[in-house]
């Protein structure tokens, strides 16, 4: 069967590249959740999405804002403090820089090589994913048989969210919005990772068999994805980072997968962020999952000697 190449617009590409959604694959054992809870017991990150970074010789503070990749800029319009800190900063940093090359690369990277979904999933699993897909998209799974499980899972998440929360035409995806505003103001926009690095994490570092398992788990019930995403959205919008940490570290992927998808990446960001903070006051916008836990930016930057203070929004 010929592989379908979807016409990924900027929103689909952004979501597919950034959706390291911890609620996917939450069907883990109680024993694993308990072990993870003990291993990742870092606290004191509850109650804020915006953080001021000062001290350690900085002449002016920088700011880190935790984003939720499914929300758009409408969320920010009612929280002017965030926009004020963005305007006051002299540079903008994101997980990666969004441009046309990113959107082109993601389409190719999402394609399977040498296999298809119907070979990775059992017949029953394929049917369940197909049923869920048809609930939230105009596609049937045989049309997407050449897409990787992670890409299909991201499409399910993004489409399910948009069905429940139709985006406003004038609103931009939150992460993209900050970069657009930075460019409009003539500020340098810096990426912490390249598109190739994020593609490697999303589509290559997790084995295909495991990706298929996670996809199958995510549709074990018709409401599993919706319930988990809404729970995560609620935790985010109430700034309950401890709940987000719990979903990420205690209930989702295996510990080694969390390290690949989130923790190792966050640790690698500390050095370039320290250079950026020393160079100029900076506004950093990265997924809120990168703020929390023992390997989150709040903890890591404090260990590096900075004063990290929550800012009310």
C-alpha atoms as a PDB file:
ATOM      1  CA  UNK A   1       0.000   0.000   0.000  1.00  0.00           C
ATOM      2  CA  UNK A   2       1.325   3.445  -0.871  1.00  0.00           C
ATOM      3  CA  UNK A   3       2.227   5.520   2.156  1.00  0.00           C
ATOM      4  CA  UNK A   4       0.045   8.546   2.707  1.00  0.00           C
ATOM      5  CA  UNK A   5       2.061  11.715   3.118  1.00  0.00           C
ATOM      6  CA  UNK A   6      -0.029  14.100   5.146  1.00  0.00           C
ATOM      7  CA  UNK A   7       0.041  17.765   4.311  1.00  0.00           C
ATOM      8  CA  UNK A   8       1.457  18.831   7.678  1.00  0.00           C
ATOM      9  CA  UNK A   9       0.704  22.474   8.339  1.00  0.00           C
ATOM     10  CA  UNK A  10       2.663  24.402  10.974  1.00  0.00           C
ATOM     11  CA  UNK A  11       0.296  23.415  13.792  1.00  0.00           C
ATOM     12  CA  UNK A  12       0.456  19.686  13.083  1.00  0.00           C
ATOM     13  CA  UNK A  13       4.217  19.822  12.692  1.00  0.00           C
ATOM     14  CA  UNK A  14       4.636  21.747  15.914  1.00  0.00           C
ATOM     15  CA  UNK A  15       2.465  19.379  17.855  1.00  0.00           C
ATOM     16  CA  UNK A  16       4.014  16.255  16.409  1.00  0.00           C
ATOM     17  CA  UNK A  17       7.499  17.474  17.170  1.00  0.00           C
ATOM     18  CA  UNK A  18       6.832  18.698  20.691  1.00  0.00           C
ATOM     19  CA  UNK A  19       4.182  16.377  22.026  1.00  0.00           C
ATOM     20  CA  UNK A  20       6.109  14.493  24.648  1.00  0.00           C
ATOM     21  CA  UNK A  21       2.780  14.039  26.378  1.00  0.00           C
ATOM     22  CA  UNK A  22       3.351  12.203  29.666  1.00  0.00           C
ATOM     23  CA  UNK A  23      -0.234  11.008  29.919  1.00  0.00           C
ATOM     24  CA  UNK A  24       0.287   8.694  26.956  1.00  0.00           C
ATOM     25  CA  UNK A  25       0.950   5.179  28.115  1.00  0.00           C
ATOM     26  CA  UNK A  26      -0.231   5.737  31.675  1.00  0.00           C
ATOM     27  CA  UNK A  27      -1.259   2.107  32.079  1.00  0.00           C
ATOM     28  CA  UNK A  28       1.737   1.262  34.237  1.00  0.00           C
ATOM     29  CA  UNK A  29       1.811  -1.000  37.256  1.00  0.00           C
ATOM     30  CA  UNK A  30       1.340   0.269  40.801  1.00  0.00           C
ATOM     31  CA  UNK A  31       4.767  -1.110  41.701  1.00  0.00           C
ATOM     32  CA  UNK A  32       6.406   0.922  38.951  1.00  0.00           C
ATOM     33  CA  UNK A  33       4.525   4.051  39.973  1.00  0.00           C
ATOM     34  CA  UNK A  34       5.662   3.579  43.563  1.00  0.00           C
ATOM     35  CA  UNK A  35       9.274   3.054  42.521  1.00  0.00           C
ATOM     36  CA  UNK A  36       9.194   6.129  40.328  1.00  0.00           C
ATOM     37  CA  UNK A  37       7.634   8.207  43.090  1.00  0.00           C
ATOM     38  CA  UNK A  38      10.471   7.262  45.422  1.00  0.00           C
ATOM     39  CA  UNK A  39      13.121   7.935  42.813  1.00  0.00           C
ATOM     40  CA  UNK A  40      11.689  11.285  41.732  1.00  0.00           C
ATOM     41  CA  UNK A  41      10.631  12.808  45.022  1.00  0.00           C
ATOM     42  CA  UNK A  42      11.715  16.370  44.227  1.00  0.00           C
ATOM     43  CA  UNK A  43       9.138  18.800  45.546  1.00  0.00           C
ATOM     44  CA  UNK A  44       8.780  22.581  45.929  1.00  0.00           C
ATOM     45  CA  UNK A  45       7.739  23.159  42.345  1.00  0.00           C
ATOM     46  CA  UNK A  46       4.018  23.504  42.959  1.00  0.00           C
ATOM     47  CA  UNK A  47       2.148  26.650  42.151  1.00  0.00           C
ATOM     48  CA  UNK A  48       3.861  28.565  39.346  1.00  0.00           C
ATOM     49  CA  UNK A  49       4.480  28.489  35.620  1.00  0.00           C
ATOM     50  CA  UNK A  50       6.654  31.618  35.492  1.00  0.00           C
ATOM     51  CA  UNK A  51      10.002  31.750  37.315  1.00  0.00           C
ATOM     52  CA  UNK A  52      12.551  34.520  37.786  1.00  0.00           C
ATOM     53  CA  UNK A  53      16.223  33.570  37.516  1.00  0.00           C
ATOM     54  CA  UNK A  54      18.613  35.860  39.399  1.00  0.00           C
ATOM     55  CA  UNK A  55      21.793  35.757  41.476  1.00  0.00           C
ATOM     56  CA  UNK A  56      24.995  33.942  40.471  1.00  0.00           C
ATOM     57  CA  UNK A  57      26.449  37.250  39.265  1.00  0.00           C
ATOM     58  CA  UNK A  58      23.610  38.172  36.902  1.00  0.00           C
ATOM     59  CA  UNK A  59      23.194  41.918  36.399  1.00  0.00           C
ATOM     60  CA  UNK A  60      19.541  41.494  35.413  1.00  0.00           C
ATOM     61  CA  UNK A  61      17.116  38.620  35.913  1.00  0.00           C
ATOM     62  CA  UNK A  62      15.913  36.235  33.227  1.00  0.00           C
ATOM     63  CA  UNK A  63      12.602  34.366  33.188  1.00  0.00           C
ATOM     64  CA  UNK A  64      11.486  30.821  32.416  1.00  0.00           C
ATOM     65  CA  UNK A  65       7.896  30.054  31.477  1.00  0.00           C
ATOM     66  CA  UNK A  66       6.550  26.515  31.305  1.00  0.00           C
ATOM     67  CA  UNK A  67       4.324  26.015  28.274  1.00  0.00           C
ATOM     68  CA  UNK A  68       1.585  23.509  27.496  1.00  0.00           C
ATOM     69  CA  UNK A  69       2.013  22.558  23.874  1.00  0.00           C
ATOM     70  CA  UNK A  70      -1.688  22.042  23.193  1.00  0.00           C
ATOM     71  CA  UNK A  71      -2.704  25.502  24.375  1.00  0.00           C
ATOM     72  CA  UNK A  72      -2.429  28.569  22.191  1.00  0.00           C
ATOM     73  CA  UNK A  73      -1.669  32.233  22.790  1.00  0.00           C
ATOM     74  CA  UNK A  74      -5.215  32.906  23.970  1.00  0.00           C
ATOM     75  CA  UNK A  75      -4.099  31.547  27.359  1.00  0.00           C
ATOM     76  CA  UNK A  76      -1.549  34.362  27.612  1.00  0.00           C
ATOM     77  CA  UNK A  77      -3.865  37.280  26.873  1.00  0.00           C
ATOM     78  CA  UNK A  78      -5.424  37.041  30.331  1.00  0.00           C
ATOM     79  CA  UNK A  79      -2.031  36.901  32.056  1.00  0.00           C
ATOM     80  CA  UNK A  80      -0.239  40.162  31.172  1.00  0.00           C
ATOM     81  CA  UNK A  81       2.657  39.528  33.556  1.00  0.00           C
ATOM     82  CA  UNK A  82       3.961  36.859  31.173  1.00  0.00           C
ATOM     83  CA  UNK A  83       3.877  39.236  28.229  1.00  0.00           C
ATOM     84  CA  UNK A  84       5.489  41.998  30.299  1.00  0.00           C
ATOM     85  CA  UNK A  85       8.451  39.752  31.132  1.00  0.00           C
ATOM     86  CA  UNK A  86       8.692  38.736  27.481  1.00  0.00           C
ATOM     87  CA  UNK A  87       8.829  42.383  26.400  1.00  0.00           C
ATOM     88  CA  UNK A  88      11.403  43.260  29.053  1.00  0.00           C
ATOM     89  CA  UNK A  89      13.771  40.494  27.982  1.00  0.00           C
ATOM     90  CA  UNK A  90      16.398  41.010  25.306  1.00  0.00           C
ATOM     91  CA  UNK A  91      16.321  37.473  23.837  1.00  0.00           C
ATOM     92  CA  UNK A  92      13.872  34.592  23.493  1.00  0.00           C
ATOM     93  CA  UNK A  93      14.811  30.936  23.947  1.00  0.00           C
ATOM     94  CA  UNK A  94      12.679  27.915  23.009  1.00  0.00           C
ATOM     95  CA  UNK A  95      13.167  24.183  22.746  1.00  0.00           C
ATOM     96  CA  UNK A  96      13.979  24.655  19.081  1.00  0.00           C
ATOM     97  CA  UNK A  97      13.553  27.331  16.442  1.00  0.00           C
ATOM     98  CA  UNK A  98      10.423  26.879  14.348  1.00  0.00           C
ATOM     99  CA  UNK A  99      10.873  27.518  10.652  1.00  0.00           C
ATOM    100  CA  UNK A 100      10.018  25.893   7.329  1.00  0.00           C
ATOM    101  CA  UNK A 101      12.883  23.409   7.623  1.00  0.00           C
ATOM    102  CA  UNK A 102      11.398  21.995  10.828  1.00  0.00           C
ATOM    103  CA  UNK A 103       8.030  21.418   9.218  1.00  0.00           C
ATOM    104  CA  UNK A 104       9.614  19.715   6.216  1.00  0.00           C
ATOM    105  CA  UNK A 105      11.796  17.429   8.326  1.00  0.00           C
ATOM    106  CA  UNK A 106       8.999  16.252  10.569  1.00  0.00           C
ATOM    107  CA  UNK A 107       6.963  14.946   7.648  1.00  0.00           C
ATOM    108  CA  UNK A 108       9.795  12.712   6.506  1.00  0.00           C
ATOM    109  CA  UNK A 109      10.805  11.585   9.984  1.00  0.00           C
ATOM    110  CA  UNK A 110       7.282  10.468  10.837  1.00  0.00           C
ATOM    111  CA  UNK A 111       7.302   7.899   8.031  1.00  0.00           C
ATOM    112  CA  UNK A 112       8.055   4.255   8.816  1.00  0.00           C
ATOM    113  CA  UNK A 113      10.854   2.535   6.958  1.00  0.00           C
ATOM    114  CA  UNK A 114      10.636  -1.182   6.141  1.00  0.00           C
ATOM    115  CA  UNK A 115       7.436  -1.830   8.078  1.00  0.00           C
ATOM    116  CA  UNK A 116       3.887  -0.590   8.573  1.00  0.00           C
ATOM    117  CA  UNK A 117       1.508  -0.059  11.459  1.00  0.00           C
ATOM    118  CA  UNK A 118      -0.504  -3.163  10.695  1.00  0.00           C
ATOM    119  CA  UNK A 119       2.687  -5.190  11.214  1.00  0.00           C
ATOM    120  CA  UNK A 120       3.533  -3.472  14.503  1.00  0.00           C
ATOM    121  CA  UNK A 121       0.043  -3.771  16.006  1.00  0.00           C
ATOM    122  CA  UNK A 122      -2.117  -6.819  16.472  1.00  0.00           C
ATOM    123  CA  UNK A 123      -5.337  -6.936  14.492  1.00  0.00           C
ATOM    124  CA  UNK A 124      -7.339  -6.039  17.602  1.00  0.00           C
ATOM    125  CA  UNK A 125      -5.016  -3.150  18.468  1.00  0.00           C
ATOM    126  CA  UNK A 126      -5.150  -1.849  14.904  1.00  0.00           C
ATOM    127  CA  UNK A 127      -8.953  -1.842  15.014  1.00  0.00           C
ATOM    128  CA  UNK A 128      -9.048   0.011  18.328  1.00  0.00           C
ATOM    129  CA  UNK A 129      -6.653   2.688  17.104  1.00  0.00           C
ATOM    130  CA  UNK A 130      -8.648   2.954  13.874  1.00  0.00           C
ATOM    131  CA  UNK A 131     -11.897   3.436  15.797  1.00  0.00           C
ATOM    132  CA  UNK A 132     -10.355   6.160  17.964  1.00  0.00           C
ATOM    133  CA  UNK A 133      -8.800   7.868  14.959  1.00  0.00           C
ATOM    134  CA  UNK A 134     -12.132   8.054  13.160  1.00  0.00           C
ATOM    135  CA  UNK A 135     -13.707   9.688  16.216  1.00  0.00           C
ATOM    136  CA  UNK A 136     -11.403  12.695  16.068  1.00  0.00           C
ATOM    137  CA  UNK A 137     -10.045  12.906  12.496  1.00  0.00           C
ATOM    138  CA  UNK A 138     -11.312  12.406   8.925  1.00  0.00           C
ATOM    139  CA  UNK A 139      -8.804   9.574   8.492  1.00  0.00           C
ATOM    140  CA  UNK A 140      -9.005   5.800   8.714  1.00  0.00           C
ATOM    141  CA  UNK A 141      -5.923   4.064  10.029  1.00  0.00           C
ATOM    142  CA  UNK A 142      -5.163   2.167   6.769  1.00  0.00           C
ATOM    143  CA  UNK A 143      -4.632   5.627   5.220  1.00  0.00           C
ATOM    144  CA  UNK A 144      -1.917   6.293   7.820  1.00  0.00           C
ATOM    145  CA  UNK A 145      -0.366   2.841   7.734  1.00  0.00           C
ATOM    146  CA  UNK A 146       3.040   4.289   6.864  1.00  0.00           C
ATOM    147  CA  UNK A 147       3.202   6.660   9.853  1.00  0.00           C
ATOM    148  CA  UNK A 148       5.168   5.805  12.992  1.00  0.00           C
ATOM    149  CA  UNK A 149       3.175   4.907  16.116  1.00  0.00           C
ATOM    150  CA  UNK A 150       4.444   8.057  17.865  1.00  0.00           C
ATOM    151  CA  UNK A 151       3.200  10.211  14.993  1.00  0.00           C
ATOM    152  CA  UNK A 152      -0.240   8.578  15.067  1.00  0.00           C
ATOM    153  CA  UNK A 153      -0.397   8.983  18.832  1.00  0.00           C
ATOM    154  CA  UNK A 154       0.469  12.670  18.525  1.00  0.00           C
ATOM    155  CA  UNK A 155      -2.179  13.089  15.837  1.00  0.00           C
ATOM    156  CA  UNK A 156      -4.763  11.471  18.117  1.00  0.00           C
ATOM    157  CA  UNK A 157      -3.835  13.766  20.984  1.00  0.00           C
ATOM    158  CA  UNK A 158      -3.779  16.953  18.905  1.00  0.00           C
ATOM    159  CA  UNK A 159      -6.975  16.163  17.012  1.00  0.00           C
ATOM    160  CA  UNK A 160      -8.824  15.043  20.124  1.00  0.00           C
ATOM    161  CA  UNK A 161      -7.851  18.239  21.890  1.00  0.00           C
ATOM    162  CA  UNK A 162      -8.882  20.433  18.969  1.00  0.00           C
ATOM    163  CA  UNK A 163     -12.229  18.685  18.724  1.00  0.00           C
ATOM    164  CA  UNK A 164     -12.948  19.553  22.356  1.00  0.00           C
ATOM    165  CA  UNK A 165     -11.221  22.955  22.223  1.00  0.00           C
ATOM    166  CA  UNK A 166     -11.491  24.455  18.706  1.00  0.00           C
ATOM    167  CA  UNK A 167      -8.563  26.843  18.162  1.00  0.00           C
ATOM    168  CA  UNK A 168      -9.227  30.490  17.431  1.00  0.00           C
ATOM    169  CA  UNK A 169      -7.982  31.471  13.966  1.00  0.00           C
ATOM    170  CA  UNK A 170      -6.049  34.451  15.284  1.00  0.00           C
ATOM    171  CA  UNK A 171      -4.254  32.481  18.005  1.00  0.00           C
ATOM    172  CA  UNK A 172      -0.854  30.842  17.521  1.00  0.00           C
ATOM    173  CA  UNK A 173       0.449  27.736  19.301  1.00  0.00           C
ATOM    174  CA  UNK A 174       1.922  28.954  22.564  1.00  0.00           C
ATOM    175  CA  UNK A 175       5.551  28.005  21.908  1.00  0.00           C
ATOM    176  CA  UNK A 176       5.481  29.467  18.414  1.00  0.00           C
ATOM    177  CA  UNK A 177       3.855  32.673  19.689  1.00  0.00           C
ATOM    178  CA  UNK A 178       6.816  33.601  21.892  1.00  0.00           C
ATOM    179  CA  UNK A 179       9.238  33.221  19.016  1.00  0.00           C
ATOM    180  CA  UNK A 180       7.018  35.248  16.698  1.00  0.00           C
ATOM    181  CA  UNK A 181       6.828  38.050  19.243  1.00  0.00           C
ATOM    182  CA  UNK A 182      10.574  37.962  19.739  1.00  0.00           C
ATOM    183  CA  UNK A 183      11.210  38.277  16.019  1.00  0.00           C
ATOM    184  CA  UNK A 184       8.706  41.131  15.690  1.00  0.00           C
ATOM    185  CA  UNK A 185      10.637  43.018  18.363  1.00  0.00           C
ATOM    186  CA  UNK A 186      13.968  42.334  16.666  1.00  0.00           C
ATOM    187  CA  UNK A 187      15.240  40.109  19.465  1.00  0.00           C
ATOM    188  CA  UNK A 188      17.499  37.105  18.891  1.00  0.00           C
ATOM    189  CA  UNK A 189      15.576  33.822  19.031  1.00  0.00           C
ATOM    190  CA  UNK A 190      17.626  30.862  20.205  1.00  0.00           C
ATOM    191  CA  UNK A 191      16.855  27.144  20.167  1.00  0.00           C
ATOM    192  CA  UNK A 192      18.138  24.760  22.826  1.00  0.00           C
ATOM    193  CA  UNK A 193      17.958  21.836  20.391  1.00  0.00           C
ATOM    194  CA  UNK A 194      17.945  21.258  16.675  1.00  0.00           C
ATOM    195  CA  UNK A 195      15.066  19.697  14.781  1.00  0.00           C
ATOM    196  CA  UNK A 196      17.205  16.632  14.132  1.00  0.00           C
ATOM    197  CA  UNK A 197      17.833  16.181  17.851  1.00  0.00           C
ATOM    198  CA  UNK A 198      14.137  16.342  18.704  1.00  0.00           C
ATOM    199  CA  UNK A 199      13.233  14.049  15.821  1.00  0.00           C
ATOM    200  CA  UNK A 200      15.812  11.553  17.080  1.00  0.00           C
ATOM    201  CA  UNK A 201      14.236  11.586  20.545  1.00  0.00           C
ATOM    202  CA  UNK A 202      10.660  11.294  19.318  1.00  0.00           C
ATOM    203  CA  UNK A 203      10.955   8.808  16.504  1.00  0.00           C
ATOM    204  CA  UNK A 204      14.192   6.870  16.943  1.00  0.00           C
ATOM    205  CA  UNK A 205      15.250   6.574  20.579  1.00  0.00           C
ATOM    206  CA  UNK A 206      12.120   4.705  21.627  1.00  0.00           C
ATOM    207  CA  UNK A 207      12.002   1.320  19.795  1.00  0.00           C
ATOM    208  CA  UNK A 208       9.142   0.863  17.349  1.00  0.00           C
ATOM    209  CA  UNK A 209       7.776  -2.089  19.306  1.00  0.00           C
ATOM    210  CA  UNK A 210       7.549   0.077  22.409  1.00  0.00           C
ATOM    211  CA  UNK A 211       5.987   2.936  20.439  1.00  0.00           C
ATOM    212  CA  UNK A 212       3.349   0.502  19.218  1.00  0.00           C
ATOM    213  CA  UNK A 213       2.738  -0.671  22.780  1.00  0.00           C
ATOM    214  CA  UNK A 214       2.263   2.903  23.972  1.00  0.00           C
ATOM    215  CA  UNK A 215      -0.110   3.633  21.097  1.00  0.00           C
ATOM    216  CA  UNK A 216      -2.181   0.551  21.898  1.00  0.00           C
ATOM    217  CA  UNK A 217      -2.282   1.433  25.615  1.00  0.00           C
ATOM    218  CA  UNK A 218      -3.447   4.959  24.845  1.00  0.00           C
ATOM    219  CA  UNK A 219      -6.671   3.689  23.234  1.00  0.00           C
ATOM    220  CA  UNK A 220      -7.543   0.864  25.602  1.00  0.00           C
ATOM    221  CA  UNK A 221     -10.729   2.771  26.334  1.00  0.00           C
ATOM    222  CA  UNK A 222     -12.485   5.360  24.124  1.00  0.00           C
ATOM    223  CA  UNK A 223     -12.050   8.066  26.749  1.00  0.00           C
ATOM    224  CA  UNK A 224      -8.541   7.273  28.010  1.00  0.00           C
ATOM    225  CA  UNK A 225      -6.751   9.940  26.000  1.00  0.00           C
ATOM    226  CA  UNK A 226      -9.363  12.614  26.592  1.00  0.00           C
ATOM    227  CA  UNK A 227      -9.436  11.996  30.323  1.00  0.00           C
ATOM    228  CA  UNK A 228      -5.667  12.146  30.710  1.00  0.00           C
ATOM    229  CA  UNK A 229      -5.226  15.214  28.527  1.00  0.00           C
ATOM    230  CA  UNK A 230      -7.971  17.112  30.325  1.00  0.00           C
ATOM    231  CA  UNK A 231      -6.438  16.152  33.655  1.00  0.00           C
ATOM    232  CA  UNK A 232      -3.088  17.456  32.500  1.00  0.00           C
ATOM    233  CA  UNK A 233      -4.630  20.650  31.133  1.00  0.00           C
ATOM    234  CA  UNK A 234      -6.404  21.244  34.441  1.00  0.00           C
ATOM    235  CA  UNK A 235      -3.174  20.745  36.390  1.00  0.00           C
ATOM    236  CA  UNK A 236      -1.379  23.133  34.062  1.00  0.00           C
ATOM    237  CA  UNK A 237      -3.993  25.871  34.131  1.00  0.00           C
ATOM    238  CA  UNK A 238      -4.164  25.743  37.922  1.00  0.00           C
ATOM    239  CA  UNK A 239      -0.344  25.850  37.975  1.00  0.00           C
ATOM    240  CA  UNK A 240      -0.167  22.581  39.873  1.00  0.00           C
ATOM    241  CA  UNK A 241       3.303  21.532  38.829  1.00  0.00           C
ATOM    242  CA  UNK A 242       3.425  18.813  41.443  1.00  0.00           C
ATOM    243  CA  UNK A 243       0.475  17.119  39.738  1.00  0.00           C
ATOM    244  CA  UNK A 244       2.265  17.440  36.409  1.00  0.00           C
ATOM    245  CA  UNK A 245       5.371  15.907  37.973  1.00  0.00           C
ATOM    246  CA  UNK A 246       3.273  13.045  39.276  1.00  0.00           C
ATOM    247  CA  UNK A 247       1.779  12.366  35.841  1.00  0.00           C
ATOM    248  CA  UNK A 248       5.164  12.577  34.185  1.00  0.00           C
ATOM    249  CA  UNK A 249       7.362  10.635  36.581  1.00  0.00           C
ATOM    250  CA  UNK A 250       4.972   8.386  38.491  1.00  0.00           C
ATOM    251  CA  UNK A 251       2.354   7.320  35.964  1.00  0.00           C
ATOM    252  CA  UNK A 252       3.664   7.392  32.446  1.00  0.00           C
ATOM    253  CA  UNK A 253       6.721   6.064  30.653  1.00  0.00           C
ATOM    254  CA  UNK A 254       9.383   3.766  32.064  1.00  0.00           C
ATOM    255  CA  UNK A 255      12.158   5.572  33.974  1.00  0.00           C
ATOM    256  CA  UNK A 256      14.691   5.051  31.188  1.00  0.00           C
ATOM    257  CA  UNK A 257      12.207   6.439  28.660  1.00  0.00           C
ATOM    258  CA  UNK A 258      11.548   9.513  30.790  1.00  0.00           C
ATOM    259  CA  UNK A 259      15.292  10.089  30.886  1.00  0.00           C
ATOM    260  CA  UNK A 260      15.483   9.975  27.083  1.00  0.00           C
ATOM    261  CA  UNK A 261      12.345  11.998  26.426  1.00  0.00           C
ATOM    262  CA  UNK A 262      12.655  14.654  29.119  1.00  0.00           C
ATOM    263  CA  UNK A 263      15.315  14.476  31.847  1.00  0.00           C
ATOM    264  CA  UNK A 264      18.483  14.038  29.766  1.00  0.00           C
ATOM    265  CA  UNK A 265      17.394  16.812  27.437  1.00  0.00           C
ATOM    266  CA  UNK A 266      16.732  19.158  30.354  1.00  0.00           C
ATOM    267  CA  UNK A 267      20.129  18.450  31.898  1.00  0.00           C
ATOM    268  CA  UNK A 268      21.784  19.287  28.590  1.00  0.00           C
ATOM    269  CA  UNK A 269      20.067  22.675  28.526  1.00  0.00           C
ATOM    270  CA  UNK A 270      21.633  24.001  31.724  1.00  0.00           C
ATOM    271  CA  UNK A 271      25.018  24.918  30.251  1.00  0.00           C
ATOM    272  CA  UNK A 272      23.682  26.897  27.253  1.00  0.00           C
ATOM    273  CA  UNK A 273      21.107  28.585  29.478  1.00  0.00           C
ATOM    274  CA  UNK A 274      23.820  29.726  31.881  1.00  0.00           C
ATOM    275  CA  UNK A 275      25.692  31.283  28.962  1.00  0.00           C
ATOM    276  CA  UNK A 276      22.501  32.920  27.723  1.00  0.00           C
ATOM    277  CA  UNK A 277      21.590  34.356  31.136  1.00  0.00           C
ATOM    278  CA  UNK A 278      25.106  35.788  31.514  1.00  0.00           C
ATOM    279  CA  UNK A 279      24.931  37.398  28.074  1.00  0.00           C
ATOM    280  CA  UNK A 280      21.570  39.158  28.366  1.00  0.00           C
ATOM    281  CA  UNK A 281      18.223  39.032  30.181  1.00  0.00           C
ATOM    282  CA  UNK A 282      16.340  36.240  28.458  1.00  0.00           C
ATOM    283  CA  UNK A 283      12.804  34.870  28.263  1.00  0.00           C
ATOM    284  CA  UNK A 284      12.809  31.066  28.078  1.00  0.00           C
ATOM    285  CA  UNK A 285       9.688  29.156  26.990  1.00  0.00           C
ATOM    286  CA  UNK A 286       9.880  25.364  27.261  1.00  0.00           C
ATOM    287  CA  UNK A 287       7.378  22.634  28.083  1.00  0.00           C
ATOM    288  CA  UNK A 288       6.275  22.698  31.727  1.00  0.00           C
ATOM    289  CA  UNK A 289       7.395  19.083  32.105  1.00  0.00           C
ATOM    290  CA  UNK A 290      10.973  20.358  31.875  1.00  0.00           C
ATOM    291  CA  UNK A 291      10.517  22.454  35.018  1.00  0.00           C
ATOM    292  CA  UNK A 292       9.634  19.693  37.449  1.00  0.00           C
ATOM    293  CA  UNK A 293      11.316  16.860  39.296  1.00  0.00           C
ATOM    294  CA  UNK A 294      14.886  16.225  40.365  1.00  0.00           C
ATOM    295  CA  UNK A 295      16.061  16.803  36.786  1.00  0.00           C
ATOM    296  CA  UNK A 296      13.814  19.808  36.174  1.00  0.00           C
ATOM    297  CA  UNK A 297      15.142  23.276  35.439  1.00  0.00           C
ATOM    298  CA  UNK A 298      13.961  24.687  38.765  1.00  0.00           C
ATOM    299  CA  UNK A 299      16.030  22.194  40.730  1.00  0.00           C
ATOM    300  CA  UNK A 300      18.997  22.151  38.363  1.00  0.00           C
ATOM    301  CA  UNK A 301      19.332  25.944  38.191  1.00  0.00           C
ATOM    302  CA  UNK A 302      19.140  26.219  41.970  1.00  0.00           C
ATOM    303  CA  UNK A 303      21.922  23.641  42.218  1.00  0.00           C
ATOM    304  CA  UNK A 304      23.908  25.786  39.769  1.00  0.00           C
ATOM    305  CA  UNK A 305      23.728  28.678  42.240  1.00  0.00           C
ATOM    306  CA  UNK A 306      20.860  30.744  40.901  1.00  0.00           C
ATOM    307  CA  UNK A 307      17.976  32.138  42.903  1.00  0.00           C
ATOM    308  CA  UNK A 308      14.855  30.718  41.259  1.00  0.00           C
ATOM    309  CA  UNK A 309      11.715  32.523  42.411  1.00  0.00           C
ATOM    310  CA  UNK A 310       8.104  31.886  41.448  1.00  0.00           C
ATOM    311  CA  UNK A 311       6.313  34.828  39.819  1.00  0.00           C
ATOM    312  CA  UNK A 312       2.557  35.165  40.200  1.00  0.00           C
ATOM    313  CA  UNK A 313       0.667  35.409  36.938  1.00  0.00           C
END
